[in-house]
Amino acid sequence: MDHTRLYKLIAEIPAGQVATYGQLAKIVGCGPRQVGQALGALDGKTAKKVPWHRVVNSQGKISVRSEGGGETLQSDLLRKEGIIWRASGRIDLNTYGWAGPFDPDGWR
């Protein structure tokens, strides 16, 4: 999978909105785990250009990283964008979920 295409797609997610791993995977034609692996492969320079923090799991939760850490930073960045969690610890995807790109077929 071409990570560059995925990173460009993630860069389209507006501040204050989130997308799920599965949603992004469907658009670029891969699996959700591949999206997670691509995000895990971000280096410091690229990570500053890609709003990785706007990607959450299908339950509207921040995924725990296998290497540990990052969850606090992600939640802080999302809070700064105005995203509020429900009491259940989930982000309401109906409220904050990204509808996707205007032309999802253009990403395949």
C-alpha atoms as a PDB file:
ATOM      1  CA  MET A   1       0.000   0.000   0.000  1.00  0.00           C
ATOM      2  CA  ASP A   2       1.186   3.475  -0.861  1.00  0.00           C
ATOM      3  CA  HIS A   3       1.380   5.368   2.427  1.00  0.00           C
ATOM      4  CA  THR A   4       1.619   8.700   0.610  1.00  0.00           C
ATOM      5  CA  ARG A   5      -1.932   8.338  -0.752  1.00  0.00           C
ATOM      6  CA  LEU A   6      -3.240   7.512   2.698  1.00  0.00           C
ATOM      7  CA  TYR A   7      -1.405  10.430   4.304  1.00  0.00           C
ATOM      8  CA  LYS A   8      -2.868  12.820   1.716  1.00  0.00           C
ATOM      9  CA  LEU A   9      -6.340  11.474   2.483  1.00  0.00           C
ATOM     10  CA  ILE A  10      -5.849  11.908   6.229  1.00  0.00           C
ATOM     11  CA  ALA A  11      -4.662  15.464   5.592  1.00  0.00           C
ATOM     12  CA  GLU A  12      -8.165  16.185   4.216  1.00  0.00           C
ATOM     13  CA  ILE A  13      -9.865  15.425   7.547  1.00  0.00           C
ATOM     14  CA  PRO A  14     -10.886  18.839   8.882  1.00  0.00           C
ATOM     15  CA  ALA A  15     -10.020  20.028  12.370  1.00  0.00           C
ATOM     16  CA  GLY A  16     -12.770  19.065  14.796  1.00  0.00           C
ATOM     17  CA  GLN A  17     -13.653  15.885  12.916  1.00  0.00           C
ATOM     18  CA  VAL A  18     -12.414  12.290  13.043  1.00  0.00           C
ATOM     19  CA  ALA A  19     -12.309   9.331  10.678  1.00  0.00           C
ATOM     20  CA  THR A  20     -12.058   5.661  11.526  1.00  0.00           C
ATOM     21  CA  TYR A  21      -9.359   3.239  10.446  1.00  0.00           C
ATOM     22  CA  GLY A  22     -11.990   1.218   8.593  1.00  0.00           C
ATOM     23  CA  GLN A  23     -13.429   4.241   6.828  1.00  0.00           C
ATOM     24  CA  LEU A  24     -10.009   5.261   5.517  1.00  0.00           C
ATOM     25  CA  ALA A  25      -9.161   1.668   4.595  1.00  0.00           C
ATOM     26  CA  LYS A  26     -12.319   1.352   2.513  1.00  0.00           C
ATOM     27  CA  ILE A  27     -11.519   4.545   0.612  1.00  0.00           C
ATOM     28  CA  VAL A  28      -7.932   3.615  -0.264  1.00  0.00           C
ATOM     29  CA  GLY A  29      -8.635  -0.094  -0.737  1.00  0.00           C
ATOM     30  CA  CYS A  30      -6.762  -1.768   2.098  1.00  0.00           C
ATOM     31  CA  GLY A  31      -7.482  -3.128   5.571  1.00  0.00           C
ATOM     32  CA  PRO A  32      -7.860  -1.135   8.795  1.00  0.00           C
ATOM     33  CA  ARG A  33      -4.703  -2.723  10.229  1.00  0.00           C
ATOM     34  CA  GLN A  34      -2.750  -1.442   7.251  1.00  0.00           C
ATOM     35  CA  VAL A  35      -3.971   2.063   8.042  1.00  0.00           C
ATOM     36  CA  GLY A  36      -2.745   1.617  11.616  1.00  0.00           C
ATOM     37  CA  GLN A  37       0.596   0.313  10.387  1.00  0.00           C
ATOM     38  CA  ALA A  38       0.968   3.285   8.048  1.00  0.00           C
ATOM     39  CA  LEU A  39       0.262   5.678  10.902  1.00  0.00           C
ATOM     40  CA  GLY A  40       2.755   3.808  13.052  1.00  0.00           C
ATOM     41  CA  ALA A  41       5.362   4.295  10.326  1.00  0.00           C
ATOM     42  CA  LEU A  42       5.093   8.100  10.440  1.00  0.00           C
ATOM     43  CA  ASP A  43       8.379   9.773  11.210  1.00  0.00           C
ATOM     44  CA  GLY A  44       8.622  13.048  13.111  1.00  0.00           C
ATOM     45  CA  LYS A  45       8.762  15.232   9.992  1.00  0.00           C
ATOM     46  CA  THR A  46       5.828  13.586   8.215  1.00  0.00           C
ATOM     47  CA  ALA A  47       3.771  13.347  11.415  1.00  0.00           C
ATOM     48  CA  LYS A  48       3.753  17.144  11.618  1.00  0.00           C
ATOM     49  CA  LYS A  49       2.045  17.301   8.207  1.00  0.00           C
ATOM     50  CA  VAL A  50      -0.437  14.456   8.736  1.00  0.00           C
ATOM     51  CA  PRO A  51      -3.219  14.983  11.316  1.00  0.00           C
ATOM     52  CA  TRP A  52      -2.840  11.387  12.569  1.00  0.00           C
ATOM     53  CA  HIS A  53      -4.640  12.297  15.771  1.00  0.00           C
ATOM     54  CA  ARG A  54      -7.927  12.550  13.852  1.00  0.00           C
ATOM     55  CA  VAL A  55      -8.018   8.784  13.237  1.00  0.00           C
ATOM     56  CA  VAL A  56      -9.893   6.671  15.805  1.00  0.00           C
ATOM     57  CA  ASN A  57     -11.258   3.150  15.961  1.00  0.00           C
ATOM     58  CA  SER A  58     -14.749   2.108  14.876  1.00  0.00           C
ATOM     59  CA  GLN A  59     -16.059   2.533  18.428  1.00  0.00           C
ATOM     60  CA  GLY A  60     -15.039   6.199  18.460  1.00  0.00           C
ATOM     61  CA  LYS A  61     -12.174   5.503  20.839  1.00  0.00           C
ATOM     62  CA  ILE A  62      -8.477   6.196  20.710  1.00  0.00           C
ATOM     63  CA  SER A  63      -6.639   2.965  20.016  1.00  0.00           C
ATOM     64  CA  VAL A  64      -3.968   1.906  22.462  1.00  0.00           C
ATOM     65  CA  ARG A  65      -0.599   1.700  20.764  1.00  0.00           C
ATOM     66  CA  SER A  66       1.436  -1.471  20.981  1.00  0.00           C
ATOM     67  CA  GLU A  67       4.578   0.530  21.721  1.00  0.00           C
ATOM     68  CA  GLY A  68       2.748   2.452  24.452  1.00  0.00           C
ATOM     69  CA  GLY A  69       2.111   6.142  24.793  1.00  0.00           C
ATOM     70  CA  GLY A  70       0.626   8.620  22.377  1.00  0.00           C
ATOM     71  CA  GLU A  71      -2.929   8.261  23.622  1.00  0.00           C
ATOM     72  CA  THR A  72      -2.667  11.269  25.928  1.00  0.00           C
ATOM     73  CA  LEU A  73      -1.188  13.420  23.176  1.00  0.00           C
ATOM     74  CA  GLN A  74      -3.920  12.319  20.770  1.00  0.00           C
ATOM     75  CA  SER A  75      -6.713  13.109  23.221  1.00  0.00           C
ATOM     76  CA  ASP A  76      -5.135  16.493  24.026  1.00  0.00           C
ATOM     77  CA  LEU A  77      -4.923  17.393  20.334  1.00  0.00           C
ATOM     78  CA  LEU A  78      -8.529  16.356  19.729  1.00  0.00           C
ATOM     79  CA  ARG A  79      -9.764  18.324  22.748  1.00  0.00           C
ATOM     80  CA  LYS A  80      -7.958  21.422  21.426  1.00  0.00           C
ATOM     81  CA  GLU A  81     -10.018  20.996  18.244  1.00  0.00           C
ATOM     82  CA  GLY A  82     -13.249  20.963  20.255  1.00  0.00           C
ATOM     83  CA  ILE A  83     -13.978  17.250  20.249  1.00  0.00           C
ATOM     84  CA  ILE A  84     -15.848  16.087  23.339  1.00  0.00           C
ATOM     85  CA  TRP A  85     -16.100  12.511  24.582  1.00  0.00           C
ATOM     86  CA  ARG A  86     -19.289  10.925  25.843  1.00  0.00           C
ATOM     87  CA  ALA A  87     -19.344   9.639  29.416  1.00  0.00           C
ATOM     88  CA  SER A  88     -18.688   6.180  27.918  1.00  0.00           C
ATOM     89  CA  GLY A  89     -15.275   7.373  26.715  1.00  0.00           C
ATOM     90  CA  ARG A  90     -16.349   7.364  23.078  1.00  0.00           C
ATOM     91  CA  ILE A  91     -16.399  10.136  20.525  1.00  0.00           C
ATOM     92  CA  ASP A  92     -19.844  10.522  18.959  1.00  0.00           C
ATOM     93  CA  LEU A  93     -19.113   9.649  15.342  1.00  0.00           C
ATOM     94  CA  ASN A  94     -22.501  11.060  14.270  1.00  0.00           C
ATOM     95  CA  THR A  95     -21.420  14.455  15.587  1.00  0.00           C
ATOM     96  CA  TYR A  96     -17.675  14.467  14.917  1.00  0.00           C
ATOM     97  CA  GLY A  97     -17.319  11.871  12.163  1.00  0.00           C
ATOM     98  CA  TRP A  98     -15.902  12.981   8.844  1.00  0.00           C
ATOM     99  CA  ALA A  99     -18.212  12.353   5.881  1.00  0.00           C
ATOM    100  CA  GLY A 100     -15.192  11.575   3.706  1.00  0.00           C
ATOM    101  CA  PRO A 101     -13.729  13.106   0.569  1.00  0.00           C
ATOM    102  CA  PHE A 102     -15.971  14.620  -2.051  1.00  0.00           C
ATOM    103  CA  ASP A 103     -14.924  11.948  -4.569  1.00  0.00           C
ATOM    104  CA  PRO A 104     -13.983   8.752  -2.725  1.00  0.00           C
ATOM    105  CA  ASP A 105     -13.431   6.913  -6.030  1.00  0.00           C
ATOM    106  CA  GLY A 106     -10.599   9.308  -6.811  1.00  0.00           C
ATOM    107  CA  TRP A 107      -8.503   7.647  -4.083  1.00  0.00           C
ATOM    108  CA  ARG A 108      -8.417   4.150  -5.562  1.00  0.00           C
END
